[in-house]
Amino acid sequence: MRLSEWTRFVAGLVHEHWTAGETWPVLQHVEQAPSWREDVAAACDLVPRSCDEAVRVMRATLALCWD
């Protein structure tokens, strides 16, 4: 897949049942793609999740940002 330099790739890979440690190898794989500017997001949005699940997703996402 080719993306323009102005396009950000948002990888929806953070899941409430995965820890940041379990998600990290997937994120590293995405980051190996040449010339992509990537962001991470929750898999399938936060809307269908309970409040507790959404908080777990946000905490896992925050942990990935600090690594």
C-alpha atoms as a PDB file:
ATOM      1  CA  MET A   1       0.000   0.000   0.000  1.00  0.00           C
ATOM      2  CA  ARG A   2       1.259   3.465  -0.836  1.00  0.00           C
ATOM      3  CA  LEU A   3       0.237   6.539   1.086  1.00  0.00           C
ATOM      4  CA  SER A   4       0.908  10.144   0.211  1.00  0.00           C
ATOM      5  CA  GLU A   5       3.213  12.102   2.491  1.00  0.00           C
ATOM      6  CA  TRP A   6       0.154  14.017   3.737  1.00  0.00           C
ATOM      7  CA  THR A   7      -1.724  10.898   4.835  1.00  0.00           C
ATOM      8  CA  ARG A   8      -1.582   9.594   8.399  1.00  0.00           C
ATOM      9  CA  PHE A   9      -2.110   5.881   8.878  1.00  0.00           C
ATOM     10  CA  VAL A  10      -4.187   5.114  11.981  1.00  0.00           C
ATOM     11  CA  ALA A  11      -3.700   1.546  13.140  1.00  0.00           C
ATOM     12  CA  GLY A  12      -6.756   0.413  15.120  1.00  0.00           C
ATOM     13  CA  LEU A  13      -4.893  -2.175  17.123  1.00  0.00           C
ATOM     14  CA  VAL A  14      -5.433  -1.353  20.802  1.00  0.00           C
ATOM     15  CA  HIS A  15      -7.853  -3.812  22.429  1.00  0.00           C
ATOM     16  CA  GLU A  16      -9.175  -3.961  25.970  1.00  0.00           C
ATOM     17  CA  HIS A  17      -8.026  -7.563  26.392  1.00  0.00           C
ATOM     18  CA  TRP A  18      -4.433  -6.852  25.316  1.00  0.00           C
ATOM     19  CA  THR A  19      -1.845  -5.216  27.497  1.00  0.00           C
ATOM     20  CA  ALA A  20       0.502  -2.612  26.080  1.00  0.00           C
ATOM     21  CA  GLY A  21       3.184  -5.316  26.151  1.00  0.00           C
ATOM     22  CA  GLU A  22       1.054  -7.580  23.983  1.00  0.00           C
ATOM     23  CA  THR A  23       0.224  -4.748  21.591  1.00  0.00           C
ATOM     24  CA  TRP A  24       3.785  -3.447  21.297  1.00  0.00           C
ATOM     25  CA  PRO A  25       5.030  -6.139  18.829  1.00  0.00           C
ATOM     26  CA  VAL A  26       2.101  -5.394  16.525  1.00  0.00           C
ATOM     27  CA  LEU A  27       2.838  -1.663  16.667  1.00  0.00           C
ATOM     28  CA  GLN A  28       6.514  -2.304  15.926  1.00  0.00           C
ATOM     29  CA  HIS A  29       5.484  -4.256  12.822  1.00  0.00           C
ATOM     30  CA  VAL A  30       3.302  -1.344  11.643  1.00  0.00           C
ATOM     31  CA  GLU A  31       6.121   1.130  12.291  1.00  0.00           C
ATOM     32  CA  GLN A  32       8.453  -0.831   9.990  1.00  0.00           C
ATOM     33  CA  ALA A  33       6.402   0.189   6.964  1.00  0.00           C
ATOM     34  CA  PRO A  34       8.437   2.668   4.930  1.00  0.00           C
ATOM     35  CA  SER A  35       7.524   6.338   5.130  1.00  0.00           C
ATOM     36  CA  TRP A  36       4.262   5.968   7.025  1.00  0.00           C
ATOM     37  CA  ARG A  37       3.329   8.439   9.713  1.00  0.00           C
ATOM     38  CA  GLU A  38       1.260   6.280  12.006  1.00  0.00           C
ATOM     39  CA  ASP A  39      -1.052   6.806  14.931  1.00  0.00           C
ATOM     40  CA  VAL A  40      -2.749   4.192  17.055  1.00  0.00           C
ATOM     41  CA  ALA A  41      -6.396   3.899  17.964  1.00  0.00           C
ATOM     42  CA  ALA A  42      -8.807   1.482  19.568  1.00  0.00           C
ATOM     43  CA  ALA A  43      -9.836  -1.498  17.513  1.00  0.00           C
ATOM     44  CA  CYS A  44     -13.446  -0.849  16.413  1.00  0.00           C
ATOM     45  CA  ASP A  45     -13.856   2.429  18.318  1.00  0.00           C
ATOM     46  CA  LEU A  46     -14.693   2.897  21.999  1.00  0.00           C
ATOM     47  CA  VAL A  47     -18.475   3.194  21.583  1.00  0.00           C
ATOM     48  CA  PRO A  48     -19.444  -0.501  21.875  1.00  0.00           C
ATOM     49  CA  ARG A  49     -17.321  -0.952  25.006  1.00  0.00           C
ATOM     50  CA  SER A  50     -18.241  -0.607  28.636  1.00  0.00           C
ATOM     51  CA  CYS A  51     -16.721   2.281  30.575  1.00  0.00           C
ATOM     52  CA  ASP A  52     -14.200  -0.077  32.227  1.00  0.00           C
ATOM     53  CA  GLU A  53     -13.184  -1.547  28.867  1.00  0.00           C
ATOM     54  CA  ALA A  54     -12.782   1.920  27.355  1.00  0.00           C
ATOM     55  CA  VAL A  55     -10.555   2.971  30.251  1.00  0.00           C
ATOM     56  CA  ARG A  56      -8.377  -0.142  29.724  1.00  0.00           C
ATOM     57  CA  VAL A  57      -8.027   0.737  26.037  1.00  0.00           C
ATOM     58  CA  MET A  58      -7.067   4.332  26.835  1.00  0.00           C
ATOM     59  CA  ARG A  59      -4.525   3.230  29.445  1.00  0.00           C
ATOM     60  CA  ALA A  60      -2.979   0.733  27.015  1.00  0.00           C
ATOM     61  CA  THR A  61      -2.823   3.448  24.343  1.00  0.00           C
ATOM     62  CA  LEU A  62      -1.152   5.863  26.741  1.00  0.00           C
ATOM     63  CA  ALA A  63       1.407   3.209  27.719  1.00  0.00           C
ATOM     64  CA  LEU A  64       2.286   2.725  24.033  1.00  0.00           C
ATOM     65  CA  CYS A  65       2.863   6.450  23.650  1.00  0.00           C
ATOM     66  CA  TRP A  66       5.466   6.472  26.426  1.00  0.00           C
ATOM     67  CA  ASP A  67       7.460   3.471  25.168  1.00  0.00           C
END
